[in-house]
Amino acid sequence: MAAPYAPPPSTLYNRTPQSLYADRETMTAETTPDAVREALESYVDPYLGESLGAASAVEEVRVGAGIEARIVLGYPVGGYQAQLQQALSAHLASRGIPDALRLDLRSNIKAHAVQRNLKPLGEIANVVAVASGKGGVGKSTVAVNLALAWAAQGARVGLLDADIYGPSQPIMLGLAGERPTSPDGKKLKPLSAHGVSAMSIGFLVDEQQPMVWRGPMVTQALTQLLSETNWGPLDYLVVDMPPGTGDIQLTLAQRVPVAGAVIVTTPQDIALADARKGLKMFDKVAVPVLGVVENMSIHVCSNCGHAEHIFGAGGGTRMAAEYGVRLLGELPLDARIREETDAGHPTVVAEPDSPRAHAYFEMARNAAGALAMRARDRSALFPKIVIEES
């Protein structure tokens, strides 16, 4: 007769209720605030590109009937709560902490360092230049959607159209024909559209009037638009730069305190060659490049769904790797993007839940994350020395 089955000691079949309760106590004891904090701090945020611990983002952890954690990030977090909570819950579970997580996600956008010989502009925390080495790559479309995406994600945003010869932001924002006012007679009040404050030479001149100005007049006009506009407190001022790398662009990069630049290109080699010049221009004037945006990256046929890289593939990725910067996004070539901007309702406000808008939101969060990792402006911490005659 076969011997009766006896479960091995390692299984739970022959464990006493007391031993099971002891195991449960041991598991609970491991879910301490310190253990949870350590696990959370080891999570690498995809937009920062580093751990929450390195970014000092874990502000508070509580353990009770579940886990409560307060995370504070240096970029706009609107729309990110559910995604991050799911990722952190999975990360905690992988570290043996399966308890339910309640996430309190907040944003704290700081001013970041600019060129050494310049100081940040008053209440404007960060000036971000959107540039390209040549025209025709969709730089203005990227700039307006970047500004609108940051605003939708919870930031205070302004947009300066620095293209004196071909201002396009009045049309893209649906503000064509509008004129700014000056309530105090000293500074202009910017116009507002979709939650973004905007200023452009296009608001001040007739739409069909050509700007036949030489370089010094252009740079003076831009300096005035920037400094003589009452922007109010802003987290980001997006500057839609003129195309090219000539005297105007160089002067702007030297006079305007820029916290970071975004380079826009298309995948083909001829656009990449000019985009490299734009990147090197910012490097010469000590403006950090936050990353590269590959516009018109892929086209998906609206009839059959066939995807095709009309202008080539991988150019932005190669350029980003070559210069050690981030690829911030690969944006689609879609007729609806053109239609939406022409109508004054760019993609991120016209169809915010669409896949094409998602690409802009991801690009915006990547750019803000790259900026958040830069050195902060410390000038406010130092006392101002004033010499007076006695």
Protein backbone atom coordinates (compact mmCIF):
# COMPACT_ATOMS: atom_id res chain seq x y z
CA MET A 1 0.00 0.00 0.00
CA ALA A 2 1.31 3.39 -0.92
CA ALA A 3 2.14 5.75 1.89
CA PRO A 4 -0.37 8.60 2.41
CA TYR A 5 0.56 11.91 0.78
CA ALA A 6 2.43 14.26 3.07
CA PRO A 7 3.00 17.81 1.82
CA PRO A 8 6.58 19.05 2.00
CA PRO A 9 7.42 21.42 4.86
CA SER A 10 7.87 24.35 2.47
CA THR A 11 4.20 24.46 1.41
CA LEU A 12 1.38 26.17 3.23
CA TYR A 13 -0.67 23.01 3.65
CA ASN A 14 0.87 22.12 7.01
CA ARG A 15 1.35 25.67 8.33
CA THR A 16 -0.42 26.65 11.52
CA PRO A 17 -2.62 29.74 11.65
CA GLN A 18 -0.08 31.28 14.02
CA SER A 19 2.78 30.84 11.54
CA LEU A 20 0.69 32.26 8.71
CA TYR A 21 -0.13 35.31 10.84
CA ALA A 22 3.57 35.76 11.63
CA ASP A 23 4.37 35.72 7.89
CA ARG A 24 1.71 38.37 7.31
CA GLU A 25 3.22 40.52 10.05
CA THR A 26 6.65 40.20 8.40
CA MET A 27 5.24 41.24 4.99
CA THR A 28 3.49 44.24 6.51
CA ALA A 29 6.57 45.28 8.43
CA GLU A 30 8.50 45.51 5.15
CA THR A 31 6.06 48.16 3.87
CA THR A 32 7.59 50.92 5.95
CA PRO A 33 7.75 54.58 4.89
CA ASP A 34 11.51 54.27 4.40
CA ALA A 35 11.14 51.18 2.22
CA VAL A 36 8.41 52.81 0.13
CA ARG A 37 10.43 56.02 -0.25
CA GLU A 38 13.48 54.05 -1.36
CA ALA A 39 11.40 52.19 -3.94
CA LEU A 40 9.75 55.34 -5.24
CA GLU A 41 13.07 57.17 -5.47
CA SER A 42 14.49 54.39 -7.62
CA TYR A 43 11.81 54.90 -10.29
CA VAL A 44 13.21 56.56 -13.43
CA ASP A 45 10.78 59.15 -14.79
CA PRO A 46 10.71 58.93 -18.61
CA TYR A 47 10.44 62.70 -19.08
CA LEU A 48 13.21 63.63 -16.66
CA GLY A 49 15.43 60.79 -17.80
CA GLU A 50 16.59 60.17 -14.23
CA SER A 51 15.26 58.74 -10.97
CA LEU A 52 12.80 60.53 -8.73
CA GLY A 53 15.43 60.35 -6.00
CA ALA A 54 18.05 62.14 -8.09
CA ALA A 55 15.46 64.81 -8.91
CA SER A 56 14.47 65.14 -5.21
CA ALA A 57 10.88 64.66 -6.35
CA VAL A 58 9.55 62.45 -3.51
CA GLU A 59 8.34 65.03 -1.01
CA GLU A 60 6.30 62.92 1.41
CA VAL A 61 5.43 59.25 2.01
CA ARG A 62 2.79 57.89 4.41
CA VAL A 63 1.95 54.25 5.10
CA GLY A 64 -1.34 53.29 6.73
CA ALA A 65 -4.36 51.72 5.11
CA GLY A 66 -2.41 51.82 1.88
CA ILE A 67 0.34 54.14 0.69
CA GLU A 68 0.12 57.88 0.19
CA ALA A 69 2.91 59.68 -1.66
CA ARG A 70 3.41 63.27 -2.71
CA ILE A 71 5.54 63.69 -5.84
CA VAL A 72 6.62 67.16 -6.98
CA LEU A 73 8.04 67.45 -10.51
CA GLY A 74 9.73 70.39 -12.19
CA TYR A 75 7.50 70.38 -15.28
CA PRO A 76 3.73 70.68 -15.96
CA VAL A 77 1.91 67.57 -14.76
CA GLY A 78 -1.64 68.12 -16.02
CA GLY A 79 -2.91 64.86 -17.53
CA TYR A 80 0.00 62.85 -16.10
CA GLN A 81 -1.57 61.69 -12.81
CA ALA A 82 -3.13 58.42 -13.98
CA GLN A 83 -0.14 57.42 -16.12
CA LEU A 84 2.38 58.02 -13.34
CA GLN A 85 0.25 56.40 -10.63
CA GLN A 86 -0.08 53.24 -12.72
CA ALA A 87 3.66 53.18 -13.44
CA LEU A 88 4.58 53.74 -9.79
CA SER A 89 2.13 51.08 -8.59
CA ALA A 90 3.70 48.56 -10.96
CA HIS A 91 7.17 49.65 -9.85
CA LEU A 92 6.29 49.21 -6.17
CA ALA A 93 4.78 45.78 -6.85
CA SER A 94 7.98 44.72 -8.60
CA ARG A 95 9.84 45.67 -5.41
CA GLY A 96 7.56 43.50 -3.26
CA ILE A 97 5.25 46.35 -2.15
CA PRO A 98 1.79 45.52 -3.54
CA ASP A 99 -0.19 47.95 -1.35
CA ALA A 100 -2.57 50.40 -3.01
CA LEU A 101 -0.97 53.74 -3.89
CA ARG A 102 -2.71 57.11 -3.62
CA LEU A 103 -0.62 59.65 -5.50
CA ASP A 104 -0.61 63.39 -4.86
CA LEU A 105 1.15 64.77 -7.95
CA ARG A 106 2.19 68.41 -8.05
CA SER A 107 4.29 70.71 -10.22
CA ASN A 108 6.94 73.23 -9.16
CA ILE A 109 8.47 74.94 -12.19
CA LYS A 110 11.66 76.83 -11.37
CA ALA A 111 13.60 79.48 -13.26
CA HIS A 112 16.68 78.02 -14.92
CA ALA A 113 20.06 79.53 -15.66
CA VAL A 114 20.58 81.61 -18.80
CA GLN A 115 23.66 82.96 -20.58
CA ARG A 116 26.21 84.23 -18.06
CA ASN A 117 26.10 87.86 -19.16
CA LEU A 118 22.29 88.07 -19.03
CA LYS A 119 19.65 87.93 -16.32
CA PRO A 120 16.18 86.34 -16.41
CA LEU A 121 13.34 88.63 -17.44
CA GLY A 122 11.40 89.74 -14.38
CA GLU A 123 8.39 87.48 -13.82
CA ILE A 124 9.25 85.22 -16.79
CA ALA A 125 10.81 82.10 -15.32
CA ASN A 126 12.06 80.49 -18.55
CA VAL A 127 12.46 81.70 -22.12
CA VAL A 128 12.50 78.77 -24.57
CA ALA A 129 13.51 79.43 -28.19
CA VAL A 130 12.07 77.29 -30.98
CA ALA A 131 14.42 77.49 -33.95
CA SER A 132 15.37 75.88 -37.23
CA GLY A 133 18.25 76.33 -39.60
CA LYS A 134 15.90 76.88 -42.55
CA GLY A 135 12.32 77.71 -43.33
CA GLY A 136 9.62 75.29 -44.40
CA VAL A 137 10.11 72.66 -41.67
CA GLY A 138 7.02 73.60 -39.66
CA LYS A 139 8.82 75.47 -36.88
CA SER A 140 5.93 77.86 -36.17
CA THR A 141 3.43 75.00 -36.04
CA VAL A 142 5.67 73.22 -33.53
CA ALA A 143 6.09 76.43 -31.49
CA VAL A 144 2.38 77.19 -31.18
CA ASN A 145 1.48 73.60 -30.30
CA LEU A 146 4.32 73.47 -27.77
CA ALA A 147 3.01 76.62 -26.05
CA LEU A 148 -0.59 75.39 -26.10
CA ALA A 149 0.38 71.95 -24.84
CA TRP A 150 2.24 73.43 -21.87
CA ALA A 151 -0.77 75.63 -21.08
CA ALA A 152 -3.11 72.62 -21.28
CA GLN A 153 -0.79 70.75 -18.91
CA GLY A 154 -1.13 73.49 -16.31
CA ALA A 155 1.69 75.99 -16.97
CA ARG A 156 1.48 79.76 -17.38
CA VAL A 157 2.66 80.33 -20.95
CA GLY A 158 3.37 83.19 -23.33
CA LEU A 159 4.25 83.08 -27.03
CA LEU A 160 6.42 85.68 -28.77
CA ASP A 161 6.36 85.63 -32.56
CA ALA A 162 9.92 86.74 -33.36
CA ASP A 163 9.58 86.32 -37.12
CA ILE A 164 9.32 89.96 -38.17
CA TYR A 165 9.36 89.29 -41.90
CA GLY A 166 6.75 86.52 -41.87
CA PRO A 167 4.68 86.55 -38.67
CA SER A 168 2.30 83.59 -38.68
CA GLN A 169 1.17 83.29 -35.06
CA PRO A 170 -1.74 85.78 -35.40
CA ILE A 171 -3.35 83.43 -37.92
CA MET A 172 -2.46 80.23 -36.06
CA LEU A 173 -3.93 81.56 -32.81
CA GLY A 174 -7.06 82.92 -34.47
CA LEU A 175 -6.08 86.50 -33.62
CA ALA A 176 -5.61 87.94 -37.10
CA GLY A 177 -6.81 91.55 -37.22
CA GLU A 178 -6.69 91.97 -33.44
CA ARG A 179 -4.72 94.85 -31.89
CA PRO A 180 -3.07 94.96 -28.44
CA THR A 181 -3.80 97.82 -26.05
CA SER A 182 -1.67 99.74 -23.57
CA PRO A 183 -3.73 100.49 -20.45
CA ASP A 184 -0.86 102.31 -18.71
CA GLY A 185 0.52 103.98 -21.82
CA LYS A 186 3.90 102.33 -21.22
CA LYS A 187 3.62 98.64 -21.93
CA LEU A 188 1.49 96.63 -24.32
CA LYS A 189 -1.04 94.17 -22.99
CA PRO A 190 -0.57 90.86 -24.83
CA LEU A 191 -3.49 89.26 -26.60
CA SER A 192 -4.78 85.94 -25.34
CA ALA A 193 -5.93 82.79 -27.12
CA HIS A 194 -6.56 79.28 -25.80
CA GLY A 195 -4.99 80.18 -22.45
CA VAL A 196 -1.75 81.57 -23.93
CA SER A 197 -0.59 85.22 -23.91
CA ALA A 198 0.76 86.25 -27.32
CA MET A 199 2.64 89.12 -28.94
CA SER A 200 3.63 89.54 -32.59
CA ILE A 201 4.59 92.31 -34.98
CA GLY A 202 1.62 91.00 -36.95
CA PHE A 203 -0.66 92.54 -34.33
CA LEU A 204 0.82 95.99 -34.96
CA VAL A 205 0.96 96.23 -38.75
CA ASP A 206 -1.41 95.53 -41.61
CA GLU A 207 -1.55 91.85 -42.55
CA GLN A 208 -0.43 92.53 -46.14
CA GLN A 209 2.23 95.12 -45.30
CA PRO A 210 5.77 93.86 -46.04
CA MET A 211 8.40 94.57 -43.40
CA VAL A 212 11.21 96.09 -45.49
CA TRP A 213 13.60 96.50 -42.57
CA ARG A 214 17.31 95.97 -42.14
CA GLY A 215 18.76 93.81 -39.38
CA PRO A 216 19.24 96.51 -36.69
CA MET A 217 15.62 97.65 -37.04
CA VAL A 218 14.39 94.07 -36.73
CA THR A 219 16.40 93.32 -33.60
CA GLN A 220 15.30 96.60 -32.02
CA ALA A 221 11.66 95.80 -32.77
CA LEU A 222 11.97 92.34 -31.24
CA THR A 223 13.70 93.70 -28.15
CA GLN A 224 10.82 96.12 -27.70
CA LEU A 225 8.17 93.45 -28.22
CA LEU A 226 9.85 91.36 -25.56
CA SER A 227 10.66 94.01 -22.96
CA GLU A 228 7.74 96.40 -23.51
CA THR A 229 5.00 93.79 -23.21
CA ASN A 230 3.36 93.29 -19.83
CA TRP A 231 3.60 89.51 -19.84
CA GLY A 232 2.85 89.02 -16.16
CA PRO A 233 4.11 85.91 -14.33
CA LEU A 234 4.97 83.11 -16.77
CA ASP A 235 6.49 79.68 -16.34
CA TYR A 236 7.50 79.60 -20.01
CA LEU A 237 7.79 82.16 -22.77
CA VAL A 238 8.05 80.36 -26.08
CA VAL A 239 9.90 82.40 -28.73
CA ASP A 240 9.11 81.43 -32.31
CA MET A 241 12.48 82.36 -33.83
CA PRO A 242 12.98 83.49 -37.44
CA PRO A 243 14.39 80.74 -39.68
CA GLY A 244 18.10 80.69 -40.43
CA THR A 245 21.31 81.47 -38.57
CA GLY A 246 22.12 85.00 -39.70
CA ASP A 247 22.77 88.26 -37.88
CA ILE A 248 19.21 88.58 -36.57
CA GLN A 249 19.16 85.12 -35.01
CA LEU A 250 22.63 85.53 -33.53
CA THR A 251 21.80 88.94 -32.04
CA LEU A 252 18.60 87.58 -30.50
CA ALA A 253 20.45 84.65 -29.00
CA GLN A 254 22.96 87.06 -27.46
CA ARG A 255 20.46 89.62 -26.13
CA VAL A 256 17.56 87.49 -24.95
CA PRO A 257 18.12 85.42 -21.77
CA VAL A 258 17.26 81.94 -23.01
CA ALA A 259 17.00 78.95 -20.68
CA GLY A 260 16.91 76.42 -23.52
CA ALA A 261 16.37 75.95 -27.23
CA VAL A 262 14.38 73.43 -29.26
CA ILE A 263 15.65 72.62 -32.76
CA VAL A 264 13.04 71.69 -35.37
CA THR A 265 13.97 69.70 -38.45
CA THR A 266 12.51 67.27 -40.95
CA PRO A 267 14.09 63.85 -41.56
CA GLN A 268 15.79 64.52 -44.90
CA ASP A 269 19.50 65.28 -45.09
CA ILE A 270 19.16 68.78 -46.55
CA ALA A 271 17.04 69.93 -43.58
CA LEU A 272 19.31 68.19 -41.10
CA ALA A 273 22.34 70.01 -42.51
CA ASP A 274 20.73 73.37 -41.75
CA ALA A 275 19.39 72.21 -38.39
CA ARG A 276 22.95 71.36 -37.35
CA LYS A 277 23.94 74.97 -38.07
CA GLY A 278 21.13 76.18 -35.83
CA LEU A 279 22.24 73.87 -33.04
CA LYS A 280 25.85 75.02 -33.33
CA MET A 281 24.76 78.67 -33.27
CA PHE A 282 23.15 78.17 -29.85
CA ASP A 283 26.20 76.30 -28.70
CA LYS A 284 28.42 79.28 -29.63
CA VAL A 285 26.34 81.67 -27.53
CA ALA A 286 26.11 79.25 -24.56
CA VAL A 287 22.40 78.51 -24.91
CA PRO A 288 21.71 74.87 -24.05
CA VAL A 289 19.77 72.85 -26.61
CA LEU A 290 16.99 70.88 -24.93
CA GLY A 291 16.60 68.56 -27.88
CA VAL A 292 15.57 67.96 -31.47
CA VAL A 293 12.03 67.70 -32.83
CA GLU A 294 11.62 65.73 -36.04
CA ASN A 295 8.60 67.23 -37.78
CA MET A 296 6.74 65.61 -40.70
CA SER A 297 8.23 62.33 -39.56
CA ILE A 298 5.60 59.96 -40.88
CA HIS A 299 2.45 60.17 -42.99
CA VAL A 300 -0.51 57.86 -42.41
CA CYS A 301 -2.95 57.68 -45.32
CA SER A 302 -6.41 58.76 -44.17
CA ASN A 303 -8.04 56.30 -46.62
CA CYS A 304 -6.08 53.05 -46.28
CA GLY A 305 -4.00 53.62 -43.15
CA HIS A 306 -0.70 52.98 -44.93
CA ALA A 307 2.21 54.61 -43.08
CA GLU A 308 5.04 56.09 -45.13
CA HIS A 309 8.18 58.09 -44.30
CA ILE A 310 7.89 60.57 -47.16
CA PHE A 311 10.94 62.62 -46.15
CA GLY A 312 13.03 59.69 -44.95
CA ALA A 313 13.32 58.12 -41.52
CA GLY A 314 15.58 58.43 -38.48
CA GLY A 315 17.19 61.76 -39.28
CA GLY A 316 16.21 63.39 -36.00
CA THR A 317 17.35 60.35 -34.04
CA ARG A 318 20.76 60.39 -35.71
CA MET A 319 21.19 64.13 -35.17
CA ALA A 320 20.23 63.89 -31.49
CA ALA A 321 22.70 61.05 -30.96
CA GLU A 322 25.43 62.91 -32.85
CA TYR A 323 25.21 65.97 -30.57
CA GLY A 324 24.28 64.22 -27.34
CA VAL A 325 20.84 65.80 -26.98
CA ARG A 326 17.37 64.33 -26.67
CA LEU A 327 15.00 63.45 -29.47
CA LEU A 328 11.97 65.28 -28.08
CA GLY A 329 9.42 63.96 -30.51
CA GLU A 330 8.59 62.63 -33.95
CA LEU A 331 5.58 64.55 -35.24
CA PRO A 332 3.25 63.37 -38.01
CA LEU A 333 2.71 64.82 -41.47
CA ASP A 334 -1.06 65.23 -41.52
CA ALA A 335 -3.25 67.54 -43.59
CA ARG A 336 -5.51 68.08 -40.57
CA ILE A 337 -2.64 69.76 -38.68
CA ARG A 338 -2.36 72.34 -41.45
CA GLU A 339 -6.14 72.81 -41.59
CA GLU A 340 -6.39 73.28 -37.83
CA THR A 341 -3.61 75.88 -37.61
CA ASP A 342 -4.97 77.78 -40.63
CA ALA A 343 -8.34 77.91 -38.85
CA GLY A 344 -6.81 79.38 -35.67
CA HIS A 345 -7.31 76.22 -33.60
CA PRO A 346 -4.02 74.30 -33.55
CA THR A 347 -4.10 70.56 -33.08
CA VAL A 348 -3.70 70.35 -29.30
CA VAL A 349 -6.83 72.48 -28.78
CA ALA A 350 -8.79 71.36 -31.86
CA GLU A 351 -8.48 67.60 -31.26
CA PRO A 352 -6.69 67.10 -27.91
CA ASP A 353 -7.56 63.39 -27.71
CA SER A 354 -6.33 62.53 -31.21
CA PRO A 355 -3.13 60.56 -31.87
CA ARG A 356 -1.59 63.56 -33.66
CA ALA A 357 -2.24 65.78 -30.62
CA HIS A 358 -0.77 63.09 -28.36
CA ALA A 359 2.51 63.40 -30.26
CA TYR A 360 2.61 67.15 -29.45
CA PHE A 361 1.77 66.60 -25.78
CA GLU A 362 4.57 64.04 -25.49
CA MET A 363 6.99 66.41 -27.22
CA ALA A 364 6.01 69.21 -24.83
CA ARG A 365 6.48 67.06 -21.72
CA ASN A 366 9.83 65.81 -22.99
CA ALA A 367 11.01 69.38 -23.58
CA ALA A 368 9.82 70.53 -20.15
CA GLY A 369 11.47 67.51 -18.54
CA ALA A 370 14.75 68.27 -20.29
CA LEU A 371 14.58 71.87 -19.05
CA ALA A 372 13.74 70.75 -15.51
CA MET A 373 17.03 68.83 -15.39
CA ARG A 374 19.06 71.95 -16.15
CA ALA A 375 20.77 74.08 -13.52
CA ARG A 376 18.43 76.46 -11.74
CA ASP A 377 18.90 80.21 -11.68
CA ARG A 378 20.48 81.12 -8.35
CA SER A 379 20.79 84.89 -8.85
CA ALA A 380 17.86 85.61 -6.55
CA LEU A 381 19.73 83.99 -3.66
CA PHE A 382 22.58 86.50 -3.75
CA PRO A 383 22.25 89.96 -2.20
CA LYS A 384 22.30 92.97 -4.49
CA ILE A 385 25.15 95.35 -3.78
CA VAL A 386 24.29 99.02 -4.17
CA ILE A 387 26.96 101.72 -3.89
CA GLU A 388 25.73 105.11 -2.76
CA GLU A 389 27.58 108.35 -2.27
CA SER A 390 27.43 109.58 1.31
